[in-house]
Amino acid sequence: MKNSFPGILKSSSYALQGSPTIEIRTFLKERKSKSLSSEVNDLKEGSKDRVFPVEKPDTVYVNSWGILFNCNCMNLLSTINDNTIDLVFTDPPFNLGKDYDTSKFHDRQDSEKYELWCHSWLKELIRVLRPGGSLTIYQWPKWFIELGAWLSKNPDIEYRSLISLKMKGGFPIKGRLHPSNYGILNYVKKWAKKEDKPTFNVVRYKSPICRHCGKEIRDYGGYREKFRKFEDKNGILWIQISDFWEDTRPARYDKSRKVQINELPVHIPERVILMASNPRDVVLDIFGGGGSTYHAAQMHRRYWIGCDIADTSTQATLSRFATIWGRQEADDLPRRVARCFKQEYVKYFRRKWSERSNSLINTVPLLRNGEKYLDPKLLSKSKVLKSHVQKKQRFLAKPDTSI
């Protein structure tokens, strides 16, 4: 799908922008007299001559590793070149009626409308992924089944894995099973060249130990000695992750944070980033929430691009970065990030960024209990052993701040 700047989406199917409420009102205004089923069928069939304008997103923060927008995800995606993103990690709204403290999006829509809205940004994510790039989506069971079935029919990508996550702290629901399972769908964009082969790093985490006696819980079938080569200097064993993560939990560092903010614990996107990318790759998250994806990316020296439509989420991300890395901003885009954007937008960004009169990151408060965000021992639960990292990636450490 070819897009011409400034963000005109041309598609054989409807390009649904923003919230489901906005796109239905905008694109189906002439269909008000039809029933819901007729409208949805019309959306599925699409129209080849439809052209929908998309606004240029305005930047709210730039540092030496990434750029953050407060905008509609489709506005951001319209400015990104084809085949440029190395990894997509995204945690979209679940359509459960959650209050995100914004009038721009409503998280309770008809199932078919919600699914069509997801298809619109998923198509764009597949377009911007490089060949061999990874697409990962955090969802709950109802939607990763539906979206997974739809994605598996796309000829441009192939299925890799479904990671199940045990989420602690849930509450029983009358007449239903206790909800404690979420998932991460993992697809890769098909590739032809050998150098475009998907990235896969062996990620490890600490072997579980008893909190009372301090000994390892697992005996590894009597083959514990064979795992000694994976011990660190303190004798702690690091074992390879599987497709079932049972050490996950909700993010609760700052108990004064806004309840409307969608925030995953850092170690969930961290594991995906370590597994499916290398240093100086570009990570994209179009539903940033509290900024944990950008935090994990920068912590492990990956470049990042992100946005969120809610003002409170954007402010939460800025507070996170101000607490951890300070309030200093970059004067220009990192070169690696700039290559992902269309040249027309890079010119627009430079003009607008140079004209800015104030810096939003200077207006947000620092996080309470900020020391918990600063201590890597509390944040990072995973690592790629140096012996498993390709030698050519070891020197890629310093950020590139020039264009």
Protein backbone atom coordinates (compact mmCIF):
# COMPACT_ATOMS: atom_id res chain seq x y z
CA MET A 1 0.00 0.00 0.00
CA LYS A 2 1.64 3.24 -1.16
CA ASN A 3 1.06 6.41 0.81
CA SER A 4 1.77 9.93 -0.45
CA PHE A 5 2.72 12.63 2.06
CA PRO A 6 1.19 14.43 3.88
CA GLY A 7 -0.44 11.25 5.01
CA ILE A 8 -3.00 10.37 2.35
CA LEU A 9 -3.99 6.74 2.75
CA LYS A 10 -5.07 4.94 -0.39
CA SER A 11 -6.36 1.45 0.13
CA SER A 12 -8.54 -1.21 -1.40
CA SER A 13 -10.25 -1.34 1.98
CA TYR A 14 -11.31 1.36 4.37
CA ALA A 15 -8.45 2.88 6.37
CA LEU A 16 -10.10 3.32 9.73
CA GLN A 17 -8.43 6.06 11.74
CA GLY A 18 -8.49 6.89 15.43
CA SER A 19 -11.16 5.41 17.59
CA PRO A 20 -13.91 3.18 16.21
CA THR A 21 -16.43 5.91 17.10
CA ILE A 22 -14.58 8.53 15.02
CA GLU A 23 -14.02 6.35 11.98
CA ILE A 24 -17.62 5.17 11.78
CA ARG A 25 -18.93 8.73 12.08
CA THR A 26 -16.45 10.09 9.51
CA PHE A 27 -16.40 7.43 6.85
CA LEU A 28 -19.94 6.09 7.07
CA LYS A 29 -21.87 9.34 7.46
CA GLU A 30 -23.78 8.69 4.25
CA ARG A 31 -24.69 5.19 5.49
CA LYS A 32 -26.69 6.25 8.56
CA SER A 33 -29.90 4.84 7.21
CA LYS A 34 -28.42 1.37 6.83
CA SER A 35 -28.38 -1.25 9.53
CA LEU A 36 -25.19 -2.03 11.44
CA SER A 37 -24.69 -5.26 9.55
CA SER A 38 -24.92 -3.44 6.21
CA GLU A 39 -22.37 -0.87 7.35
CA VAL A 40 -19.91 -3.52 8.49
CA ASN A 41 -20.32 -5.48 5.25
CA ASP A 42 -19.67 -2.30 3.29
CA LEU A 43 -16.52 -1.72 5.33
CA LYS A 44 -15.29 -5.23 4.62
CA GLU A 45 -15.86 -4.86 0.88
CA GLY A 46 -14.08 -1.48 0.80
CA SER A 47 -13.78 0.92 -2.08
CA LYS A 48 -10.76 1.34 -4.35
CA ASP A 49 -11.29 5.03 -5.03
CA ARG A 50 -11.58 6.11 -1.37
CA VAL A 51 -8.96 8.61 -0.20
CA PHE A 52 -8.79 9.71 3.44
CA PRO A 53 -6.67 12.63 4.72
CA VAL A 54 -4.37 12.08 7.70
CA GLU A 55 -2.94 14.92 9.80
CA LYS A 56 0.78 15.32 10.39
CA PRO A 57 1.64 14.27 13.94
CA ASP A 58 3.34 16.81 16.18
CA THR A 59 6.30 15.74 18.29
CA VAL A 60 6.27 16.14 22.08
CA TYR A 61 9.69 14.70 22.94
CA VAL A 62 12.95 13.73 21.25
CA ASN A 63 16.12 12.35 22.80
CA SER A 64 19.23 10.65 21.44
CA TRP A 65 17.41 7.30 21.18
CA GLY A 66 13.84 8.02 20.15
CA ILE A 67 10.85 10.23 19.40
CA LEU A 68 7.44 10.45 21.10
CA PHE A 69 4.16 11.73 19.62
CA ASN A 70 0.81 12.58 21.20
CA CYS A 71 -1.42 11.63 18.28
CA ASN A 72 -3.65 9.15 16.51
CA CYS A 73 -1.61 6.05 15.62
CA MET A 74 -2.69 6.24 11.97
CA ASN A 75 -1.28 9.76 11.72
CA LEU A 76 2.10 8.51 12.90
CA LEU A 77 2.08 5.44 10.66
CA SER A 78 1.33 7.57 7.58
CA THR A 79 4.72 9.32 7.99
CA ILE A 80 6.83 6.12 8.21
CA ASN A 81 8.51 4.59 5.17
CA ASP A 82 7.87 1.03 4.02
CA ASN A 83 10.19 -1.74 5.27
CA THR A 84 12.08 0.33 7.86
CA ILE A 85 11.05 -0.89 11.35
CA ASP A 86 12.90 -3.82 12.92
CA LEU A 87 10.45 -4.69 15.70
CA VAL A 88 6.88 -3.78 16.56
CA PHE A 89 5.65 -4.31 20.10
CA THR A 90 2.19 -3.03 20.82
CA ASP A 91 -0.39 -3.31 23.60
CA PRO A 92 -3.68 -2.04 22.11
CA PRO A 93 -6.93 -1.33 24.01
CA PHE A 94 -8.86 -4.52 24.69
CA ASN A 95 -12.35 -3.10 24.02
CA LEU A 96 -13.33 -3.73 27.65
CA GLY A 97 -14.72 -0.27 28.44
CA LYS A 98 -11.61 1.02 30.22
CA ASP A 99 -11.45 4.76 30.88
CA TYR A 100 -8.33 6.21 29.23
CA ASP A 101 -9.18 9.77 30.31
CA THR A 102 -9.60 11.02 26.74
CA SER A 103 -12.54 11.97 24.54
CA LYS A 104 -10.60 10.95 21.42
CA PHE A 105 -11.10 7.25 21.98
CA HIS A 106 -13.83 5.05 23.49
CA ASP A 107 -12.89 1.55 24.62
CA ARG A 108 -16.32 -0.04 24.23
CA GLN A 109 -17.44 -0.67 20.66
CA ASP A 110 -19.30 -3.28 18.68
CA SER A 111 -17.00 -6.27 18.22
CA GLU A 112 -16.98 -6.05 14.43
CA LYS A 113 -16.14 -2.35 14.49
CA TYR A 114 -13.31 -2.96 16.95
CA GLU A 115 -11.92 -5.80 14.87
CA LEU A 116 -11.99 -3.71 11.68
CA TRP A 117 -10.22 -0.89 13.50
CA CYS A 118 -7.50 -3.35 14.56
CA HIS A 119 -7.14 -4.54 10.97
CA SER A 120 -6.50 -0.96 9.81
CA TRP A 121 -3.44 -0.35 11.99
CA LEU A 122 -2.20 -3.94 11.66
CA LYS A 123 -2.03 -3.50 7.88
CA GLU A 124 0.05 -0.37 8.38
CA LEU A 125 2.35 -2.10 10.87
CA ILE A 126 3.00 -4.90 8.37
CA ARG A 127 3.78 -2.29 5.71
CA VAL A 128 6.41 -0.46 7.79
CA LEU A 129 8.11 -3.65 9.05
CA ARG A 130 11.31 -4.58 7.25
CA PRO A 131 11.55 -8.06 5.70
CA GLY A 132 12.36 -10.38 8.59
CA GLY A 133 11.08 -7.85 11.13
CA SER A 134 8.95 -9.04 14.05
CA LEU A 135 5.37 -8.07 14.84
CA THR A 136 4.33 -8.73 18.46
CA ILE A 137 0.91 -7.93 19.90
CA TYR A 138 -0.02 -8.14 23.58
CA GLN A 139 -3.70 -9.11 23.95
CA TRP A 140 -6.16 -11.09 26.02
CA PRO A 141 -7.47 -14.48 24.78
CA LYS A 142 -10.66 -13.33 23.03
CA TRP A 143 -8.81 -11.02 20.68
CA PHE A 144 -5.55 -12.84 20.11
CA ILE A 145 -7.66 -15.74 18.77
CA GLU A 146 -9.62 -13.46 16.42
CA LEU A 147 -6.68 -11.31 15.33
CA GLY A 148 -4.37 -14.31 15.06
CA ALA A 149 -6.77 -16.03 12.66
CA TRP A 150 -6.89 -12.87 10.52
CA LEU A 151 -3.11 -12.34 10.57
CA SER A 152 -2.43 -15.95 9.59
CA LYS A 153 -4.25 -15.33 6.31
CA ASN A 154 -1.96 -12.45 5.38
CA PRO A 155 0.52 -13.62 2.70
CA ASP A 156 3.20 -11.10 3.77
CA ILE A 157 3.81 -12.50 7.26
CA GLU A 158 4.21 -15.87 8.92
CA TYR A 159 3.38 -17.12 12.40
CA ARG A 160 6.21 -17.67 14.88
CA SER A 161 4.80 -18.19 18.36
CA LEU A 162 2.11 -17.48 20.94
CA ILE A 163 3.53 -16.63 24.34
CA SER A 164 1.21 -17.13 27.31
CA LEU A 165 1.63 -14.91 30.37
CA LYS A 166 0.32 -15.68 33.82
CA MET A 167 -0.93 -12.44 35.35
CA LYS A 168 -1.16 -12.50 39.13
CA GLY A 169 -3.54 -10.46 41.22
CA GLY A 170 -6.76 -11.03 39.26
CA PHE A 171 -10.17 -11.45 40.82
CA PRO A 172 -12.73 -14.25 40.28
CA ILE A 173 -15.72 -13.51 38.04
CA LYS A 174 -19.06 -15.12 38.83
CA GLY A 175 -20.00 -17.83 36.34
CA ARG A 176 -16.61 -17.81 34.56
CA LEU A 177 -13.09 -19.11 34.97
CA HIS A 178 -10.62 -16.99 36.91
CA PRO A 179 -8.98 -14.63 34.35
CA SER A 180 -5.21 -14.89 34.72
CA ASN A 181 -3.93 -15.47 31.19
CA TYR A 182 -2.78 -12.99 28.58
CA GLY A 183 -0.80 -13.60 25.41
CA ILE A 184 1.77 -12.18 23.00
CA LEU A 185 1.25 -13.03 19.33
CA ASN A 186 4.50 -13.13 17.36
CA TYR A 187 4.67 -12.95 13.56
CA VAL A 188 7.55 -12.09 11.22
CA LYS A 189 7.45 -10.41 7.84
CA LYS A 190 8.52 -12.79 5.08
CA TRP A 191 11.99 -12.29 3.66
CA ALA A 192 13.92 -13.34 0.55
CA LYS A 193 17.52 -12.31 1.26
CA LYS A 194 19.73 -14.17 3.71
CA GLU A 195 20.72 -10.93 5.46
CA ASP A 196 17.05 -10.23 6.22
CA LYS A 197 16.61 -13.40 8.24
CA PRO A 198 14.58 -12.72 11.42
CA THR A 199 16.51 -11.94 14.58
CA PHE A 200 16.26 -14.50 17.35
CA ASN A 201 18.38 -14.22 20.48
CA VAL A 202 18.27 -16.76 23.31
CA VAL A 203 16.89 -14.86 26.28
CA ARG A 204 17.41 -16.16 29.81
CA TYR A 205 16.01 -15.42 33.26
CA LYS A 206 17.02 -16.41 36.78
CA SER A 207 16.14 -19.92 37.85
CA PRO A 208 13.28 -19.76 40.41
CA ILE A 209 14.37 -20.19 44.01
CA CYS A 210 12.49 -20.87 47.24
CA ARG A 211 11.91 -17.63 49.15
CA HIS A 212 12.33 -19.49 52.46
CA CYS A 213 15.48 -21.61 52.01
CA GLY A 214 16.99 -19.88 48.96
CA LYS A 215 17.49 -23.13 47.03
CA GLU A 216 16.43 -23.76 43.44
CA ILE A 217 12.88 -25.05 43.06
CA ARG A 218 13.57 -27.19 39.98
CA ASP A 219 15.93 -30.14 39.80
CA TYR A 220 16.18 -30.15 35.97
CA GLY A 221 15.66 -33.89 35.74
CA GLY A 222 18.99 -34.71 37.31
CA TYR A 223 20.96 -32.79 34.66
CA ARG A 224 21.70 -29.71 36.75
CA GLU A 225 25.46 -30.01 36.20
CA LYS A 226 25.05 -29.49 32.48
CA PHE A 227 23.61 -26.04 33.15
CA ARG A 228 26.62 -24.73 35.06
CA LYS A 229 27.91 -22.94 31.98
CA PHE A 230 24.86 -20.67 32.24
CA GLU A 231 25.64 -19.55 35.79
CA ASP A 232 26.77 -15.99 36.43
CA LYS A 233 29.73 -14.99 38.62
CA ASN A 234 27.51 -15.28 41.71
CA GLY A 235 26.56 -18.88 40.91
CA ILE A 236 23.00 -17.95 39.86
CA LEU A 237 21.64 -20.07 37.02
CA TRP A 238 20.03 -18.30 34.06
CA ILE A 239 17.65 -20.56 32.12
CA GLN A 240 16.17 -20.06 28.67
CA ILE A 241 12.67 -18.59 28.48
CA SER A 242 9.88 -20.67 26.98
CA ASP A 243 6.52 -19.65 25.52
CA PHE A 244 4.97 -19.61 29.02
CA TRP A 245 5.94 -16.78 31.39
CA GLU A 246 4.75 -17.22 34.94
CA ASP A 247 6.83 -14.52 36.64
CA THR A 248 4.87 -11.57 35.23
CA ARG A 249 2.79 -9.15 37.26
CA PRO A 250 0.97 -5.82 36.83
CA ALA A 251 3.04 -2.61 36.91
CA ARG A 252 2.70 -1.08 40.36
CA TYR A 253 5.83 0.98 40.96
CA ASP A 254 4.03 4.28 41.54
CA LYS A 255 0.77 3.77 43.39
CA SER A 256 -0.18 7.41 42.83
CA ARG A 257 -0.19 7.01 39.05
CA LYS A 258 -3.35 7.62 37.06
CA VAL A 259 -5.53 4.52 36.82
CA GLN A 260 -6.37 5.45 33.22
CA ILE A 261 -2.79 4.83 32.11
CA ASN A 262 -2.18 1.56 30.30
CA GLU A 263 1.18 0.33 31.58
CA LEU A 264 2.91 -3.03 31.31
CA PRO A 265 5.80 -3.98 33.59
CA VAL A 266 9.09 -3.23 31.86
CA HIS A 267 10.26 -6.84 31.75
CA ILE A 268 7.45 -7.91 29.37
CA PRO A 269 8.48 -5.69 26.42
CA GLU A 270 12.09 -6.12 27.55
CA ARG A 271 12.05 -9.86 26.83
CA VAL A 272 10.49 -9.34 23.41
CA ILE A 273 13.03 -6.62 22.58
CA LEU A 274 15.98 -8.77 23.66
CA MET A 275 14.64 -11.80 21.79
CA ALA A 276 13.66 -10.19 18.47
CA SER A 277 16.07 -7.26 18.00
CA ASN A 278 19.71 -6.23 18.29
CA PRO A 279 21.38 -3.05 19.57
CA ARG A 280 20.62 -0.02 17.35
CA ASP A 281 17.55 -1.65 15.82
CA VAL A 282 14.36 0.46 15.75
CA VAL A 283 11.41 -0.51 17.96
CA LEU A 284 7.92 0.87 17.27
CA ASP A 285 5.01 0.99 19.74
CA ILE A 286 1.87 2.87 18.63
CA PHE A 287 -0.02 2.42 21.92
CA GLY A 288 2.65 3.63 24.31
CA GLY A 289 0.66 3.93 27.53
CA GLY A 290 3.06 4.59 30.41
CA GLY A 291 6.14 4.21 28.20
CA SER A 292 7.51 0.87 29.39
CA THR A 293 8.33 -0.25 25.82
CA TYR A 294 10.40 2.89 25.17
CA HIS A 295 12.04 2.47 28.57
CA ALA A 296 13.06 -1.13 27.82
CA ALA A 297 14.26 -0.22 24.33
CA GLN A 298 16.47 2.63 25.50
CA MET A 299 17.74 0.63 28.48
CA HIS A 300 19.05 -1.99 26.01
CA ARG A 301 20.31 0.50 23.41
CA ARG A 302 17.57 0.18 20.83
CA TYR A 303 16.13 3.18 19.04
CA TRP A 304 12.40 3.73 19.47
CA ILE A 305 9.40 5.48 17.93
CA GLY A 306 6.10 5.77 19.78
CA CYS A 307 2.82 7.54 20.30
CA ASP A 308 -0.32 7.57 22.40
CA ILE A 309 -3.57 9.42 21.79
CA ALA A 310 -4.26 10.14 25.49
CA ASP A 311 -2.67 13.20 27.09
CA THR A 312 -2.36 11.48 30.48
CA SER A 313 -0.40 8.60 28.95
CA THR A 314 1.95 10.98 27.15
CA GLN A 315 2.55 12.89 30.39
CA ALA A 316 3.23 9.61 32.22
CA THR A 317 5.86 8.66 29.63
CA LEU A 318 7.51 12.07 29.94
CA SER A 319 7.55 11.74 33.74
CA ARG A 320 9.20 8.34 33.40
CA PHE A 321 11.94 9.70 31.12
CA ALA A 322 12.45 12.83 33.23
CA THR A 323 12.91 10.63 36.32
CA ILE A 324 15.33 8.17 34.72
CA TRP A 325 17.27 10.14 32.11
CA GLY A 326 16.62 13.77 33.03
CA ARG A 327 14.81 16.54 31.19
CA GLN A 328 17.34 17.17 28.45
CA GLU A 329 16.08 16.88 24.88
CA ALA A 330 17.86 16.40 21.54
CA ASP A 331 17.94 19.17 18.94
CA ASP A 332 17.38 16.79 16.06
CA LEU A 333 16.29 13.24 15.23
CA PRO A 334 18.81 10.40 15.63
CA ARG A 335 20.04 9.46 12.17
CA ARG A 336 18.83 5.87 12.48
CA VAL A 337 15.34 7.04 13.44
CA ALA A 338 15.21 9.73 10.74
CA ARG A 339 15.75 7.09 8.05
CA CYS A 340 12.44 5.50 9.05
CA PHE A 341 10.45 8.64 8.23
CA LYS A 342 9.52 10.12 4.87
CA GLN A 343 11.74 13.04 3.91
CA GLU A 344 8.75 15.37 3.77
CA TYR A 345 8.02 14.66 7.41
CA VAL A 346 11.67 15.03 8.48
CA LYS A 347 11.65 18.54 6.99
CA TYR A 348 8.35 19.31 8.71
CA PHE A 349 9.69 18.02 12.02
CA ARG A 350 12.86 20.12 11.85
CA ARG A 351 10.90 23.27 11.15
CA LYS A 352 8.33 22.70 13.89
CA TRP A 353 10.88 21.47 16.45
CA SER A 354 13.10 24.51 15.95
CA GLU A 355 10.08 26.80 16.41
CA ARG A 356 8.89 25.28 19.66
CA SER A 357 8.52 27.81 22.46
CA ASN A 358 8.47 25.45 25.44
CA SER A 359 9.40 21.92 26.37
CA LEU A 360 6.67 19.65 27.72
CA ILE A 361 9.09 17.43 29.61
CA ASN A 362 9.99 20.43 31.79
CA THR A 363 6.36 20.74 32.94
CA VAL A 364 5.73 17.16 34.16
CA PRO A 365 6.41 16.01 37.74
CA LEU A 366 8.97 13.35 38.58
CA LEU A 367 7.63 9.95 39.60
CA ARG A 368 7.23 9.06 43.22
CA ASN A 369 9.37 6.10 44.28
CA GLY A 370 11.58 6.97 41.34
CA GLU A 371 14.46 4.92 42.72
CA LYS A 372 12.57 1.79 41.68
CA TYR A 373 12.71 2.95 38.07
CA LEU A 374 16.44 3.66 38.37
CA ASP A 375 17.53 0.33 39.84
CA PRO A 376 18.19 -2.14 36.96
CA LYS A 377 18.04 -5.07 39.40
CA LEU A 378 14.37 -4.29 40.05
CA LEU A 379 13.53 -3.64 36.41
CA SER A 380 15.44 -6.17 34.35
CA LYS A 381 14.61 -9.86 34.74
CA SER A 382 16.14 -11.09 31.50
CA LYS A 383 19.37 -11.01 29.56
CA VAL A 384 21.13 -12.36 26.49
CA LEU A 385 24.40 -13.99 27.47
CA LYS A 386 27.40 -12.34 25.79
CA SER A 387 28.52 -15.65 24.32
CA HIS A 388 25.27 -15.78 22.34
CA VAL A 389 25.48 -12.24 20.95
CA GLN A 390 26.97 -11.91 17.48
CA LYS A 391 30.41 -10.26 17.53
CA LYS A 392 29.37 -7.72 14.93
CA GLN A 393 26.71 -6.41 17.33
CA ARG A 394 29.00 -5.87 20.31
CA PHE A 395 30.40 -2.56 19.15
CA LEU A 396 26.95 -1.06 18.46
CA ALA A 397 26.54 0.70 21.77
CA LYS A 398 26.69 4.48 21.43
CA PRO A 399 23.65 6.46 20.25
CA ASP A 400 23.87 8.34 16.98
CA THR A 401 22.39 11.82 17.50
CA SER A 402 23.17 13.43 14.15
CA ILE A 403 21.26 13.34 10.85
